[in-house]
Amino acid sequence: MACVSPLRTIDDRRVEDTYPDVSPTAEDLLLSKEQTRQISEALQSLPENQRMAVILKRYDDLRYEEIARLMGCSVSAVESLLVRAKKALQQKLSKLQNDRRFLVRELFNR
């Protein structure tokens, strides 16, 4: 298979012009870094049991039953911890919702 030059044309257009640049801008990178910092701060400000429940659910991808076993509580207690944590995070991070359509639910959904 032959190599394709980036300057080669397709239908009188340069190949590089047919693919939009999707690289993040400096502003995007800075905003992302700031959002990460604010999320980290908000997580650290949660009570330890709420923070642990969020980390085990979101970052370790554990089921409620597994979280309950590790934390030594019931599944309904885990559900309650996650609801309270989500509400607290929504309040703490509400100002981010206007920045590039950032939503707190991204923290809970994949």
C-alpha atoms as a PDB file:
ATOM      1  CA  MET A   1       0.000   0.000   0.000  1.00  0.00           C
ATOM      2  CA  ALA A   2       1.385   3.376  -0.973  1.00  0.00           C
ATOM      3  CA  CYS A   3       1.870   6.257   1.422  1.00  0.00           C
ATOM      4  CA  VAL A   4      -0.489   9.177   1.086  1.00  0.00           C
ATOM      5  CA  SER A   5       1.012  12.632   1.200  1.00  0.00           C
ATOM      6  CA  PRO A   6      -0.816  15.089   3.469  1.00  0.00           C
ATOM      7  CA  LEU A   7      -0.752  17.523   0.572  1.00  0.00           C
ATOM      8  CA  ARG A   8      -2.338  15.109  -1.870  1.00  0.00           C
ATOM      9  CA  THR A   9      -5.708  16.269  -3.140  1.00  0.00           C
ATOM     10  CA  ILE A  10      -9.057  14.546  -3.153  1.00  0.00           C
ATOM     11  CA  ASP A  11     -11.669  16.210  -5.313  1.00  0.00           C
ATOM     12  CA  ASP A  12      -9.513  19.337  -5.487  1.00  0.00           C
ATOM     13  CA  ARG A  13      -9.263  19.583  -1.680  1.00  0.00           C
ATOM     14  CA  ARG A  14      -6.170  18.983   0.348  1.00  0.00           C
ATOM     15  CA  VAL A  15      -6.440  15.921   2.564  1.00  0.00           C
ATOM     16  CA  GLU A  16      -5.500  17.952   5.617  1.00  0.00           C
ATOM     17  CA  ASP A  17      -8.452  20.278   4.892  1.00  0.00           C
ATOM     18  CA  THR A  18     -10.959  17.409   4.873  1.00  0.00           C
ATOM     19  CA  TYR A  19     -10.287  16.511   8.519  1.00  0.00           C
ATOM     20  CA  PRO A  20     -11.061  19.230  11.043  1.00  0.00           C
ATOM     21  CA  ASP A  21      -8.539  19.931  13.772  1.00  0.00           C
ATOM     22  CA  VAL A  22      -9.978  18.451  16.958  1.00  0.00           C
ATOM     23  CA  SER A  23      -6.970  19.189  19.132  1.00  0.00           C
ATOM     24  CA  PRO A  24      -7.878  20.922  22.383  1.00  0.00           C
ATOM     25  CA  THR A  25      -7.088  24.605  22.570  1.00  0.00           C
ATOM     26  CA  ALA A  26      -5.015  26.125  25.346  1.00  0.00           C
ATOM     27  CA  GLU A  27      -8.262  27.443  26.838  1.00  0.00           C
ATOM     28  CA  ASP A  28      -9.781  23.931  26.768  1.00  0.00           C
ATOM     29  CA  LEU A  29      -6.731  22.477  28.510  1.00  0.00           C
ATOM     30  CA  LEU A  30      -6.727  25.173  31.164  1.00  0.00           C
ATOM     31  CA  LEU A  31     -10.462  24.784  31.762  1.00  0.00           C
ATOM     32  CA  SER A  32     -10.092  21.015  32.046  1.00  0.00           C
ATOM     33  CA  LYS A  33      -7.260  21.381  34.552  1.00  0.00           C
ATOM     34  CA  GLU A  34      -9.314  23.833  36.612  1.00  0.00           C
ATOM     35  CA  GLN A  35     -12.363  21.548  36.562  1.00  0.00           C
ATOM     36  CA  THR A  36     -10.226  18.620  37.720  1.00  0.00           C
ATOM     37  CA  ARG A  37      -8.843  20.708  40.566  1.00  0.00           C
ATOM     38  CA  GLN A  38     -12.302  21.855  41.630  1.00  0.00           C
ATOM     39  CA  ILE A  39     -13.694  18.312  41.516  1.00  0.00           C
ATOM     40  CA  SER A  40     -10.784  17.088  43.614  1.00  0.00           C
ATOM     41  CA  GLU A  41     -11.351  19.855  46.169  1.00  0.00           C
ATOM     42  CA  ALA A  42     -15.076  19.146  46.278  1.00  0.00           C
ATOM     43  CA  LEU A  43     -14.452  15.418  46.785  1.00  0.00           C
ATOM     44  CA  GLN A  44     -11.964  16.129  49.572  1.00  0.00           C
ATOM     45  CA  SER A  45     -14.506  18.342  51.329  1.00  0.00           C
ATOM     46  CA  LEU A  46     -17.069  15.521  51.587  1.00  0.00           C
ATOM     47  CA  PRO A  47     -17.390  13.580  54.826  1.00  0.00           C
ATOM     48  CA  GLU A  48     -15.102  10.549  54.717  1.00  0.00           C
ATOM     49  CA  ASN A  49     -17.888   7.960  54.356  1.00  0.00           C
ATOM     50  CA  GLN A  50     -19.477   9.857  51.435  1.00  0.00           C
ATOM     51  CA  ARG A  51     -16.102  10.378  49.766  1.00  0.00           C
ATOM     52  CA  MET A  52     -15.260   6.685  50.128  1.00  0.00           C
ATOM     53  CA  ALA A  53     -18.618   5.630  48.673  1.00  0.00           C
ATOM     54  CA  VAL A  54     -18.150   7.934  45.660  1.00  0.00           C
ATOM     55  CA  ILE A  55     -14.592   6.748  45.032  1.00  0.00           C
ATOM     56  CA  LEU A  56     -15.525   3.077  45.306  1.00  0.00           C
ATOM     57  CA  LYS A  57     -18.523   3.532  42.998  1.00  0.00           C
ATOM     58  CA  ARG A  58     -17.162   5.940  40.423  1.00  0.00           C
ATOM     59  CA  TYR A  59     -13.473   5.218  40.255  1.00  0.00           C
ATOM     60  CA  ASP A  60     -13.282   1.578  41.365  1.00  0.00           C
ATOM     61  CA  ASP A  61     -16.564   0.750  39.581  1.00  0.00           C
ATOM     62  CA  LEU A  62     -17.852  -1.421  42.417  1.00  0.00           C
ATOM     63  CA  ARG A  63     -21.474  -2.524  42.854  1.00  0.00           C
ATOM     64  CA  TYR A  64     -23.467  -1.262  45.831  1.00  0.00           C
ATOM     65  CA  GLU A  65     -23.246  -4.697  47.453  1.00  0.00           C
ATOM     66  CA  GLU A  66     -19.442  -4.669  47.228  1.00  0.00           C
ATOM     67  CA  ILE A  67     -19.237  -1.136  48.615  1.00  0.00           C
ATOM     68  CA  ALA A  68     -21.550  -2.071  51.501  1.00  0.00           C
ATOM     69  CA  ARG A  69     -19.376  -5.075  52.354  1.00  0.00           C
ATOM     70  CA  LEU A  70     -16.157  -3.036  52.272  1.00  0.00           C
ATOM     71  CA  MET A  71     -17.610  -0.183  54.305  1.00  0.00           C
ATOM     72  CA  GLY A  72     -19.424  -2.460  56.754  1.00  0.00           C
ATOM     73  CA  CYS A  73     -22.876  -1.030  56.138  1.00  0.00           C
ATOM     74  CA  SER A  74     -26.101  -1.895  54.336  1.00  0.00           C
ATOM     75  CA  VAL A  75     -26.794  -1.387  50.644  1.00  0.00           C
ATOM     76  CA  SER A  76     -29.447   1.198  51.521  1.00  0.00           C
ATOM     77  CA  ALA A  77     -26.835   3.088  53.558  1.00  0.00           C
ATOM     78  CA  VAL A  78     -24.532   3.126  50.510  1.00  0.00           C
ATOM     79  CA  GLU A  79     -27.373   4.421  48.349  1.00  0.00           C
ATOM     80  CA  SER A  80     -28.064   7.149  50.903  1.00  0.00           C
ATOM     81  CA  LEU A  81     -24.386   8.117  51.104  1.00  0.00           C
ATOM     82  CA  LEU A  82     -24.186   8.428  47.315  1.00  0.00           C
ATOM     83  CA  VAL A  83     -27.371  10.521  47.123  1.00  0.00           C
ATOM     84  CA  ARG A  84     -26.090  12.896  49.809  1.00  0.00           C
ATOM     85  CA  ALA A  85     -22.648  13.055  48.185  1.00  0.00           C
ATOM     86  CA  LYS A  86     -24.143  13.817  44.794  1.00  0.00           C
ATOM     87  CA  LYS A  87     -26.294  16.603  46.248  1.00  0.00           C
ATOM     88  CA  ALA A  88     -23.313  18.116  48.076  1.00  0.00           C
ATOM     89  CA  LEU A  89     -21.139  17.926  44.948  1.00  0.00           C
ATOM     90  CA  GLN A  90     -23.864  19.524  42.850  1.00  0.00           C
ATOM     91  CA  GLN A  91     -23.988  22.460  45.266  1.00  0.00           C
ATOM     92  CA  LYS A  92     -20.205  22.798  45.443  1.00  0.00           C
ATOM     93  CA  LEU A  93     -19.696  22.494  41.710  1.00  0.00           C
ATOM     94  CA  SER A  94     -22.768  24.354  40.445  1.00  0.00           C
ATOM     95  CA  LYS A  95     -20.669  27.217  39.069  1.00  0.00           C
ATOM     96  CA  LEU A  96     -18.949  24.770  36.722  1.00  0.00           C
ATOM     97  CA  GLN A  97     -22.216  23.929  35.001  1.00  0.00           C
ATOM     98  CA  ASN A  98     -21.933  27.095  32.946  1.00  0.00           C
ATOM     99  CA  ASP A  99     -18.350  26.338  31.889  1.00  0.00           C
ATOM    100  CA  ARG A 100     -18.543  24.393  28.632  1.00  0.00           C
ATOM    101  CA  ARG A 101     -21.732  22.569  29.655  1.00  0.00           C
ATOM    102  CA  PHE A 102     -19.916  20.705  32.437  1.00  0.00           C
ATOM    103  CA  LEU A 103     -22.371  18.584  34.425  1.00  0.00           C
ATOM    104  CA  VAL A 104     -21.864  17.017  37.827  1.00  0.00           C
ATOM    105  CA  ARG A 105     -23.580  13.863  36.600  1.00  0.00           C
ATOM    106  CA  GLU A 106     -20.462  13.143  34.537  1.00  0.00           C
ATOM    107  CA  LEU A 107     -18.878  12.218  37.840  1.00  0.00           C
ATOM    108  CA  PHE A 108     -21.491   9.512  38.372  1.00  0.00           C
ATOM    109  CA  ASN A 109     -22.057   8.289  34.798  1.00  0.00           C
ATOM    110  CA  ARG A 110     -19.632   6.779  32.371  1.00  0.00           C
END
